[in-house]
Amino acid sequence: MAADAERRRACRRRFMLKQNEITLSLTWIKIRECAEMSPGSGTIRR
């Protein structure tokens, strides 16, 4: 039982890390797109 709970916890941690990676990469893509759209201004427009 203990091993099962431990495995589940590890799986959840890995899943959260994966979600974090995806969110970060998506955010960077958005920032890069905005920066390319408005090269004149340093501000990021939504």
PDB file of N, CA and C in Angstrom:
ATOM      1  N   MET A   1       0.828  -1.210   0.000  1.00  0.00           N
ATOM      2  CA  MET A   1       0.000   0.000   0.000  1.00  0.00           C
ATOM      3  C   MET A   1       0.861   1.258   0.000  1.00  0.00           C
ATOM      4  N   ALA A   2       1.865   1.253   0.866  1.00  0.00           N
ATOM      5  CA  ALA A   2       2.727   2.431   0.958  1.00  0.00           C
ATOM      6  C   ALA A   2       3.441   2.685  -0.372  1.00  0.00           C
ATOM      7  N   ALA A   3       3.900   1.595  -0.980  1.00  0.00           N
ATOM      8  CA  ALA A   3       4.611   1.740  -2.254  1.00  0.00           C
ATOM      9  C   ALA A   3       3.668   2.300  -3.321  1.00  0.00           C
ATOM     10  N   ASP A   4       2.426   1.850  -3.281  1.00  0.00           N
ATOM     11  CA  ASP A   4       1.448   2.310  -4.266  1.00  0.00           C
ATOM     12  C   ASP A   4       1.205   3.814  -4.118  1.00  0.00           C
ATOM     13  N   ALA A   5       1.035   4.259  -2.887  1.00  0.00           N
ATOM     14  CA  ALA A   5       0.807   5.688  -2.640  1.00  0.00           C
ATOM     15  C   ALA A   5       2.025   6.497  -3.080  1.00  0.00           C
ATOM     16  N   GLU A   6       3.209   5.950  -2.803  1.00  0.00           N
ATOM     17  CA  GLU A   6       4.442   6.644  -3.182  1.00  0.00           C
ATOM     18  C   GLU A   6       4.532   6.776  -4.702  1.00  0.00           C
ATOM     19  N   ARG A   7       4.172   5.697  -5.374  1.00  0.00           N
ATOM     20  CA  ARG A   7       4.231   5.724  -6.838  1.00  0.00           C
ATOM     21  C   ARG A   7       3.244   6.753  -7.382  1.00  0.00           C
ATOM     22  N   ARG A   8       2.066   6.787  -6.770  1.00  0.00           N
ATOM     23  CA  ARG A   8       1.053   7.742  -7.232  1.00  0.00           C
ATOM     24  C   ARG A   8       1.536   9.174  -7.018  1.00  0.00           C
ATOM     25  N   ARG A   9       2.180   9.403  -5.877  1.00  0.00           N
ATOM     26  CA  ARG A   9       2.673  10.754  -5.582  1.00  0.00           C
ATOM     27  C   ARG A   9       3.752  11.156  -6.596  1.00  0.00           C
ATOM     28  N   ALA A  10       4.642  10.215  -6.901  1.00  0.00           N
ATOM     29  CA  ALA A  10       5.714  10.504  -7.856  1.00  0.00           C
ATOM     30  C   ALA A  10       5.124  10.809  -9.231  1.00  0.00           C
ATOM     31  N   CYS A  11       4.101  10.048  -9.599  1.00  0.00           N
ATOM     32  CA  CYS A  11       3.462  10.256 -10.901  1.00  0.00           C
ATOM     33  C   CYS A  11       2.830  11.644 -10.951  1.00  0.00           C
ATOM     34  N   ARG A  12       2.162  12.022  -9.867  1.00  0.00           N
ATOM     35  CA  ARG A  12       1.519  13.335  -9.841  1.00  0.00           C
ATOM     36  C   ARG A  12       2.573  14.437  -9.939  1.00  0.00           C
ATOM     37  N   ARG A  13       3.704  14.245  -9.246  1.00  0.00           N
ATOM     38  CA  ARG A  13       4.756  15.258  -9.278  1.00  0.00           C
ATOM     39  C   ARG A  13       5.286  15.406 -10.705  1.00  0.00           C
ATOM     40  N   ARG A  14       5.478  14.258 -11.371  1.00  0.00           N
ATOM     41  CA  ARG A  14       5.987  14.301 -12.738  1.00  0.00           C
ATOM     42  C   ARG A  14       4.983  15.015 -13.640  1.00  0.00           C
ATOM     43  N   PHE A  15       3.698  14.738 -13.416  1.00  0.00           N
ATOM     44  CA  PHE A  15       2.649  15.356 -14.222  1.00  0.00           C
ATOM     45  C   PHE A  15       2.665  16.874 -14.033  1.00  0.00           C
ATOM     46  N   MET A  16       2.796  17.329 -12.788  1.00  0.00           N
ATOM     47  CA  MET A  16       2.823  18.755 -12.503  1.00  0.00           C
ATOM     48  C   MET A  16       4.020  19.414 -13.177  1.00  0.00           C
ATOM     49  N   LEU A  17       5.172  18.751 -13.119  1.00  0.00           N
ATOM     50  CA  LEU A  17       6.363  19.300 -13.759  1.00  0.00           C
ATOM     51  C   LEU A  17       6.132  19.432 -15.258  1.00  0.00           C
ATOM     52  N   LYS A  18       5.506  18.414 -15.828  1.00  0.00           N
ATOM     53  CA  LYS A  18       5.240  18.440 -17.266  1.00  0.00           C
ATOM     54  C   LYS A  18       4.313  19.599 -17.598  1.00  0.00           C
ATOM     55  N   GLN A  19       3.280  19.782 -16.808  1.00  0.00           N
ATOM     56  CA  GLN A  19       2.329  20.875 -17.026  1.00  0.00           C
ATOM     57  C   GLN A  19       3.055  22.214 -16.945  1.00  0.00           C
ATOM     58  N   ASN A  20       3.966  22.335 -15.972  1.00  0.00           N
ATOM     59  CA  ASN A  20       4.737  23.563 -15.805  1.00  0.00           C
ATOM     60  C   ASN A  20       5.553  23.845 -17.055  1.00  0.00           C
ATOM     61  N   GLU A  21       6.234  22.804 -17.568  1.00  0.00           N
ATOM     62  CA  GLU A  21       7.053  22.964 -18.771  1.00  0.00           C
ATOM     63  C   GLU A  21       6.205  23.455 -19.930  1.00  0.00           C
ATOM     64  N   ILE A  22       5.055  22.827 -20.116  1.00  0.00           N
ATOM     65  CA  ILE A  22       4.172  23.193 -21.227  1.00  0.00           C
ATOM     66  C   ILE A  22       3.714  24.644 -21.082  1.00  0.00           C
ATOM     67  N   THR A  23       3.306  25.020 -19.877  1.00  0.00           N
ATOM     68  CA  THR A  23       2.831  26.386 -19.647  1.00  0.00           C
ATOM     69  C   THR A  23       3.939  27.398 -19.925  1.00  0.00           C
ATOM     70  N   LEU A  24       5.152  27.111 -19.439  1.00  0.00           N
ATOM     71  CA  LEU A  24       6.269  28.023 -19.648  1.00  0.00           C
ATOM     72  C   LEU A  24       6.582  28.177 -21.128  1.00  0.00           C
ATOM     73  N   SER A  25       6.644  27.065 -21.847  1.00  0.00           N
ATOM     74  CA  SER A  25       6.973  27.143 -23.268  1.00  0.00           C
ATOM     75  C   SER A  25       5.888  27.910 -24.025  1.00  0.00           C
ATOM     76  N   LEU A  26       4.628  27.683 -23.665  1.00  0.00           N
ATOM     77  CA  LEU A  26       3.537  28.404 -24.328  1.00  0.00           C
ATOM     78  C   LEU A  26       3.650  29.898 -24.055  1.00  0.00           C
ATOM     79  N   THR A  27       3.966  30.241 -22.809  1.00  0.00           N
ATOM     80  CA  THR A  27       4.111  31.651 -22.450  1.00  0.00           C
ATOM     81  C   THR A  27       5.226  32.295 -23.265  1.00  0.00           C
ATOM     82  N   TRP A  28       6.353  31.590 -23.397  1.00  0.00           N
ATOM     83  CA  TRP A  28       7.481  32.130 -24.163  1.00  0.00           C
ATOM     84  C   TRP A  28       7.117  32.310 -25.624  1.00  0.00           C
ATOM     85  N   ILE A  29       6.358  31.349 -26.166  1.00  0.00           N
ATOM     86  CA  ILE A  29       5.938  31.470 -27.565  1.00  0.00           C
ATOM     87  C   ILE A  29       5.079  32.721 -27.734  1.00  0.00           C
ATOM     88  N   LYS A  30       4.152  32.949 -26.805  1.00  0.00           N
ATOM     89  CA  LYS A  30       3.280  34.124 -26.880  1.00  0.00           C
ATOM     90  C   LYS A  30       4.109  35.405 -26.798  1.00  0.00           C
ATOM     91  N   ILE A  31       5.046  35.437 -25.863  1.00  0.00           N
ATOM     92  CA  ILE A  31       5.880  36.632 -25.701  1.00  0.00           C
ATOM     93  C   ILE A  31       6.681  36.892 -26.969  1.00  0.00           C
ATOM     94  N   ARG A  32       7.231  35.818 -27.548  1.00  0.00           N
ATOM     95  CA  ARG A  32       8.036  35.971 -28.755  1.00  0.00           C
ATOM     96  C   ARG A  32       7.166  36.488 -29.897  1.00  0.00           C
ATOM     97  N   GLU A  33       5.955  35.946 -30.018  1.00  0.00           N
ATOM     98  CA  GLU A  33       5.047  36.388 -31.080  1.00  0.00           C
ATOM     99  C   GLU A  33       4.732  37.868 -30.928  1.00  0.00           C
ATOM    100  N   CYS A  34       4.422  38.283 -29.710  1.00  0.00           N
ATOM    101  CA  CYS A  34       4.085  39.687 -29.462  1.00  0.00           C
ATOM    102  C   CYS A  34       5.285  40.573 -29.764  1.00  0.00           C
ATOM    103  N   ALA A  35       6.472  40.125 -29.405  1.00  0.00           N
ATOM    104  CA  ALA A  35       7.677  40.920 -29.640  1.00  0.00           C
ATOM    105  C   ALA A  35       7.921  41.073 -31.140  1.00  0.00           C
ATOM    106  N   GLU A  36       7.635  40.012 -31.903  1.00  0.00           N
ATOM    107  CA  GLU A  36       7.837  40.083 -33.348  1.00  0.00           C
ATOM    108  C   GLU A  36       6.786  40.969 -34.008  1.00  0.00           C
ATOM    109  N   MET A  37       5.576  40.988 -33.441  1.00  0.00           N
ATOM    110  CA  MET A  37       4.505  41.791 -34.021  1.00  0.00           C
ATOM    111  C   MET A  37       4.768  43.278 -33.831  1.00  0.00           C
ATOM    112  N   SER A  38       5.332  43.656 -32.688  1.00  0.00           N
ATOM    113  CA  SER A  38       5.582  45.074 -32.438  1.00  0.00           C
ATOM    114  C   SER A  38       7.059  45.298 -32.119  1.00  0.00           C
ATOM    115  N   PRO A  39       7.919  45.317 -33.148  1.00  0.00           N
ATOM    116  CA  PRO A  39       9.357  45.488 -32.935  1.00  0.00           C
ATOM    117  C   PRO A  39       9.716  46.900 -32.477  1.00  0.00           C
ATOM    118  N   GLY A  40       8.861  47.875 -32.810  1.00  0.00           N
ATOM    119  CA  GLY A  40       9.171  49.250 -32.461  1.00  0.00           C
ATOM    120  C   GLY A  40       9.048  49.509 -30.965  1.00  0.00           C
ATOM    121  N   SER A  41       8.009  48.958 -30.352  1.00  0.00           N
ATOM    122  CA  SER A  41       7.786  49.215 -28.925  1.00  0.00           C
ATOM    123  C   SER A  41       8.280  48.046 -28.088  1.00  0.00           C
ATOM    124  N   GLY A  42       8.880  48.342 -26.956  1.00  0.00           N
ATOM    125  CA  GLY A  42       9.405  47.284 -26.097  1.00  0.00           C
ATOM    126  C   GLY A  42       8.320  46.644 -25.250  1.00  0.00           C
ATOM    127  N   THR A  43       7.155  47.275 -25.214  1.00  0.00           N
ATOM    128  CA  THR A  43       6.076  46.733 -24.389  1.00  0.00           C
ATOM    129  C   THR A  43       5.375  45.590 -25.102  1.00  0.00           C
ATOM    130  N   ILE A  44       4.858  44.676 -24.326  1.00  0.00           N
ATOM    131  CA  ILE A  44       4.142  43.534 -24.900  1.00  0.00           C
ATOM    132  C   ILE A  44       2.653  43.844 -24.925  1.00  0.00           C
ATOM    133  N   ARG A  45       2.110  43.947 -26.127  1.00  0.00           N
ATOM    134  CA  ARG A  45       0.685  44.249 -26.257  1.00  0.00           C
ATOM    135  C   ARG A  45      -0.112  42.965 -26.326  1.00  0.00           C
ATOM    136  N   ARG A  46      -1.266  42.961 -25.669  1.00  0.00           N
ATOM    137  CA  ARG A  46      -2.114  41.765 -25.713  1.00  0.00           C
ATOM    138  C   ARG A  46      -3.052  41.848 -26.921  1.00  0.00           C
TER     139      ARG A  46
END
